[in-house]
Amino acid sequence: MAEVQDITDQNFETEILQSDKPAVVDFWAEWCAPCRQISPIIKELADQYGDQVNIVKVDVDSNPGIAGRYGVRSIPTVLGISGGQVVDQLVGARPKGDFKAMVEKLIA
């Protein structure tokens, strides 16, 4: 079982931007109901694709730097990052298929 790693302003650069693997970054907050809705989906994706893609969470309240850098205005926002660049973005609670499609695109 792959764990969904918590990423911070301090380790985002090394863990995500400098990684050889693409990443799915879930921007969330404890008080956000839609964030809690998609949390099990993000966990399932980590279990299924964790060996090919870094699947991580960023708490926007604790890590405003990354959220600001990527212009995250509403949560949940999920970014697909490959080669240090944002290549895909989903905003709001979405069906599992949307997130799965994002991952499939990243590993294609």
C-alpha atoms as a PDB file:
ATOM      1  CA  MET A   1       0.000   0.000   0.000  1.00  0.00           C
ATOM      2  CA  ALA A   2       1.512   3.285  -1.109  1.00  0.00           C
ATOM      3  CA  GLU A   3       1.127   6.158   1.303  1.00  0.00           C
ATOM      4  CA  VAL A   4      -0.001   9.598   0.162  1.00  0.00           C
ATOM      5  CA  GLN A   5       2.935  11.750   1.233  1.00  0.00           C
ATOM      6  CA  ASP A   6       2.426  15.170   2.805  1.00  0.00           C
ATOM      7  CA  ILE A   7       4.510  17.775   1.008  1.00  0.00           C
ATOM      8  CA  THR A   8       5.519  21.121   2.500  1.00  0.00           C
ATOM      9  CA  ASP A   9       6.809  24.457   1.233  1.00  0.00           C
ATOM     10  CA  GLN A  10      10.245  23.220   2.371  1.00  0.00           C
ATOM     11  CA  ASN A  11      10.433  19.926   0.453  1.00  0.00           C
ATOM     12  CA  PHE A  12       8.236  20.631  -2.631  1.00  0.00           C
ATOM     13  CA  GLU A  13      11.202  21.573  -4.821  1.00  0.00           C
ATOM     14  CA  THR A  14      13.199  18.404  -4.108  1.00  0.00           C
ATOM     15  CA  GLU A  15      10.319  15.920  -3.784  1.00  0.00           C
ATOM     16  CA  ILE A  16       8.241  17.086  -6.764  1.00  0.00           C
ATOM     17  CA  LEU A  17      10.020  19.450  -9.142  1.00  0.00           C
ATOM     18  CA  GLN A  18      13.368  17.625  -9.082  1.00  0.00           C
ATOM     19  CA  SER A  19      11.873  14.126  -9.145  1.00  0.00           C
ATOM     20  CA  ASP A  20      12.198  11.872 -12.183  1.00  0.00           C
ATOM     21  CA  LYS A  21       8.619  10.728 -11.643  1.00  0.00           C
ATOM     22  CA  PRO A  22       5.585  12.825 -12.564  1.00  0.00           C
ATOM     23  CA  ALA A  23       3.396  13.939  -9.662  1.00  0.00           C
ATOM     24  CA  VAL A  24      -0.234  14.382  -8.734  1.00  0.00           C
ATOM     25  CA  VAL A  25      -0.439  17.135  -6.110  1.00  0.00           C
ATOM     26  CA  ASP A  26      -3.664  17.443  -4.109  1.00  0.00           C
ATOM     27  CA  PHE A  27      -4.067  20.897  -2.527  1.00  0.00           C
ATOM     28  CA  TRP A  28      -6.432  20.510   0.441  1.00  0.00           C
ATOM     29  CA  ALA A  29      -7.344  21.720   3.930  1.00  0.00           C
ATOM     30  CA  GLU A  30      -8.751  20.031   7.029  1.00  0.00           C
ATOM     31  CA  TRP A  31     -11.936  22.159   6.980  1.00  0.00           C
ATOM     32  CA  CYS A  32     -12.697  21.489   3.294  1.00  0.00           C
ATOM     33  CA  ALA A  33     -15.584  19.008   2.809  1.00  0.00           C
ATOM     34  CA  PRO A  34     -14.963  18.398  -0.940  1.00  0.00           C
ATOM     35  CA  CYS A  35     -11.287  17.731  -0.074  1.00  0.00           C
ATOM     36  CA  ARG A  36     -12.385  14.985   2.317  1.00  0.00           C
ATOM     37  CA  GLN A  37     -14.669  13.627  -0.425  1.00  0.00           C
ATOM     38  CA  ILE A  38     -11.810  13.073  -2.880  1.00  0.00           C
ATOM     39  CA  SER A  39      -9.313  11.894  -0.254  1.00  0.00           C
ATOM     40  CA  PRO A  40     -10.188   8.176  -0.674  1.00  0.00           C
ATOM     41  CA  ILE A  41      -9.821   8.545  -4.467  1.00  0.00           C
ATOM     42  CA  ILE A  42      -6.358  10.080  -4.065  1.00  0.00           C
ATOM     43  CA  LYS A  43      -5.419   7.214  -1.704  1.00  0.00           C
ATOM     44  CA  GLU A  44      -6.657   4.601  -4.223  1.00  0.00           C
ATOM     45  CA  LEU A  45      -4.586   6.221  -6.970  1.00  0.00           C
ATOM     46  CA  ALA A  46      -1.514   6.115  -4.723  1.00  0.00           C
ATOM     47  CA  ASP A  47      -2.132   2.405  -4.129  1.00  0.00           C
ATOM     48  CA  GLN A  48      -2.599   1.737  -7.831  1.00  0.00           C
ATOM     49  CA  TYR A  49       0.013   4.026  -9.420  1.00  0.00           C
ATOM     50  CA  GLY A  50       2.374   4.915  -6.571  1.00  0.00           C
ATOM     51  CA  ASP A  51       5.304   3.131  -8.202  1.00  0.00           C
ATOM     52  CA  GLN A  52       4.991   5.266 -11.372  1.00  0.00           C
ATOM     53  CA  VAL A  53       3.726   8.613 -10.043  1.00  0.00           C
ATOM     54  CA  ASN A  54       4.337  10.591  -6.847  1.00  0.00           C
ATOM     55  CA  ILE A  55       0.886  11.152  -5.358  1.00  0.00           C
ATOM     56  CA  VAL A  56       1.071  13.784  -2.646  1.00  0.00           C
ATOM     57  CA  LYS A  57      -1.027  16.208  -0.582  1.00  0.00           C
ATOM     58  CA  VAL A  58      -0.304  19.829   0.292  1.00  0.00           C
ATOM     59  CA  ASP A  59      -2.180  21.390   3.217  1.00  0.00           C
ATOM     60  CA  VAL A  60      -2.799  24.948   1.972  1.00  0.00           C
ATOM     61  CA  ASP A  61      -3.171  26.336   5.501  1.00  0.00           C
ATOM     62  CA  SER A  62       0.262  25.071   6.574  1.00  0.00           C
ATOM     63  CA  ASN A  63       1.963  25.645   3.209  1.00  0.00           C
ATOM     64  CA  PRO A  64       0.693  28.876   1.650  1.00  0.00           C
ATOM     65  CA  GLY A  65       3.889  29.305  -0.397  1.00  0.00           C
ATOM     66  CA  ILE A  66       3.256  26.479  -2.862  1.00  0.00           C
ATOM     67  CA  ALA A  67      -0.452  27.242  -3.103  1.00  0.00           C
ATOM     68  CA  GLY A  68       0.363  30.864  -3.925  1.00  0.00           C
ATOM     69  CA  ARG A  69       3.056  29.910  -6.407  1.00  0.00           C
ATOM     70  CA  TYR A  70       0.573  27.840  -8.398  1.00  0.00           C
ATOM     71  CA  GLY A  71      -2.324  30.269  -8.019  1.00  0.00           C
ATOM     72  CA  VAL A  72      -4.485  27.833  -6.068  1.00  0.00           C
ATOM     73  CA  ARG A  73      -7.598  29.866  -5.227  1.00  0.00           C
ATOM     74  CA  SER A  74     -10.122  27.137  -4.474  1.00  0.00           C
ATOM     75  CA  ILE A  75      -9.664  23.682  -3.052  1.00  0.00           C
ATOM     76  CA  PRO A  76      -9.465  20.890  -3.742  1.00  0.00           C
ATOM     77  CA  THR A  77      -7.168  21.693  -6.648  1.00  0.00           C
ATOM     78  CA  VAL A  78      -5.230  18.746  -8.036  1.00  0.00           C
ATOM     79  CA  LEU A  79      -2.249  19.452 -10.286  1.00  0.00           C
ATOM     80  CA  GLY A  80      -0.530  17.026 -12.632  1.00  0.00           C
ATOM     81  CA  ILE A  81       3.175  17.926 -12.767  1.00  0.00           C
ATOM     82  CA  SER A  82       5.673  16.423 -15.172  1.00  0.00           C
ATOM     83  CA  GLY A  83       9.247  17.573 -15.736  1.00  0.00           C
ATOM     84  CA  GLY A  84       8.715  20.357 -13.198  1.00  0.00           C
ATOM     85  CA  GLN A  85       5.818  21.833 -15.206  1.00  0.00           C
ATOM     86  CA  VAL A  86       2.069  21.819 -14.540  1.00  0.00           C
ATOM     87  CA  VAL A  87       0.551  19.804 -17.393  1.00  0.00           C
ATOM     88  CA  ASP A  88      -2.943  19.199 -16.015  1.00  0.00           C
ATOM     89  CA  GLN A  89      -5.294  20.664 -13.393  1.00  0.00           C
ATOM     90  CA  LEU A  90      -8.589  19.617 -11.827  1.00  0.00           C
ATOM     91  CA  VAL A  91     -10.542  21.888  -9.477  1.00  0.00           C
ATOM     92  CA  GLY A  92     -13.293  20.744  -7.131  1.00  0.00           C
ATOM     93  CA  ALA A  93     -14.654  17.350  -6.183  1.00  0.00           C
ATOM     94  CA  ARG A  94     -14.697  15.289  -9.372  1.00  0.00           C
ATOM     95  CA  PRO A  95     -15.470  11.677 -10.237  1.00  0.00           C
ATOM     96  CA  LYS A  96     -12.686   9.140  -9.802  1.00  0.00           C
ATOM     97  CA  GLY A  97     -12.423   8.739 -13.579  1.00  0.00           C
ATOM     98  CA  ASP A  98     -11.233  12.343 -13.981  1.00  0.00           C
ATOM     99  CA  PHE A  99      -8.349  11.813 -11.557  1.00  0.00           C
ATOM    100  CA  LYS A 100      -7.520   8.438 -13.072  1.00  0.00           C
ATOM    101  CA  ALA A 101      -7.402  10.030 -16.545  1.00  0.00           C
ATOM    102  CA  MET A 102      -4.964  12.634 -15.206  1.00  0.00           C
ATOM    103  CA  VAL A 103      -2.644   9.907 -13.909  1.00  0.00           C
ATOM    104  CA  GLU A 104      -2.923   7.894 -17.137  1.00  0.00           C
ATOM    105  CA  LYS A 105      -1.942  11.004 -19.127  1.00  0.00           C
ATOM    106  CA  LEU A 106       1.070  11.594 -16.873  1.00  0.00           C
ATOM    107  CA  ILE A 107       2.429   8.071 -17.333  1.00  0.00           C
ATOM    108  CA  ALA A 108       1.622   7.733 -21.049  1.00  0.00           C
END
